[in-house]
Protein backbone atom coordinates (compact mmCIF):
# COMPACT_ATOMS: atom_id res chain seq x y z
CA UNK A 1 1.66 -13.95 -4.48
CA UNK A 2 -1.38 -14.70 -5.28
CA UNK A 3 -2.08 -15.11 -1.18
CA UNK A 4 -0.34 -11.74 -0.61
CA UNK A 5 -2.65 -10.08 -2.96
CA UNK A 6 -5.82 -11.30 -1.15
CA UNK A 7 -4.86 -11.22 2.40
CA UNK A 8 -3.47 -7.55 1.94
CA UNK A 9 -6.59 -6.23 -0.73
CA UNK A 10 -8.88 -8.53 -1.06
CA UNK A 11 -8.46 -9.41 -4.44
CA UNK A 12 -6.89 -12.28 -6.40
CA UNK A 13 -3.34 -11.44 -8.59
CA UNK A 14 -5.72 -12.08 -11.97
CA UNK A 15 -8.28 -9.64 -11.56
CA UNK A 16 -6.38 -6.79 -10.11
CA UNK A 17 -3.96 -7.56 -13.43
CA UNK A 18 -7.39 -7.73 -15.30
CA UNK A 19 -9.71 -4.90 -13.99
CA UNK A 20 -8.45 -1.36 -14.16
CA UNK A 21 -10.49 0.61 -11.66
CA UNK A 22 -9.23 -2.17 -9.14
CA UNK A 23 -5.82 -2.02 -10.01
CA UNK A 24 -5.72 1.67 -9.59
CA UNK A 25 -7.71 1.64 -6.29
CA UNK A 26 -5.33 -1.29 -4.89
CA UNK A 27 -2.48 1.61 -5.86
CA UNK A 28 -4.00 4.72 -4.39
CA UNK A 29 -4.19 2.94 -1.51
CA UNK A 30 -0.29 1.32 -1.53
CA UNK A 31 0.19 5.38 -2.14
CA UNK A 32 -1.38 6.25 0.69
CA UNK A 33 0.06 3.81 3.09
CA UNK A 34 3.18 4.61 1.77
CA UNK A 35 3.06 8.36 2.31
CA UNK A 36 2.11 7.44 6.40
CA UNK A 37 4.82 5.39 6.83
CA UNK A 38 7.37 8.05 5.64
CA UNK A 39 5.33 10.58 8.08
CA UNK A 40 5.90 7.98 10.74
CA UNK A 41 9.42 7.38 9.70
CA UNK A 42 10.36 11.45 9.57
CA UNK A 43 8.32 11.67 13.16
CA UNK A 44 10.79 8.77 14.69
CA UNK A 45 13.64 10.51 13.11
CA UNK A 46 12.87 13.87 14.59
CA UNK A 47 12.46 12.71 18.15
CA UNK A 48 15.73 10.78 17.77
CA UNK A 49 17.91 13.32 16.43
CA UNK A 50 16.14 16.26 17.32
């Protein structure tokens, strides 16, 4: 998990847990990535079924 956090977000899991500002930054980035992926899926779905 440590390796994945460091690779994906550039911080270790311990820093993620201890520093609120870093945690919020990571979570905002995750939310942005999730919404982007949902838009891509919806676009593909429209193309396939539309």
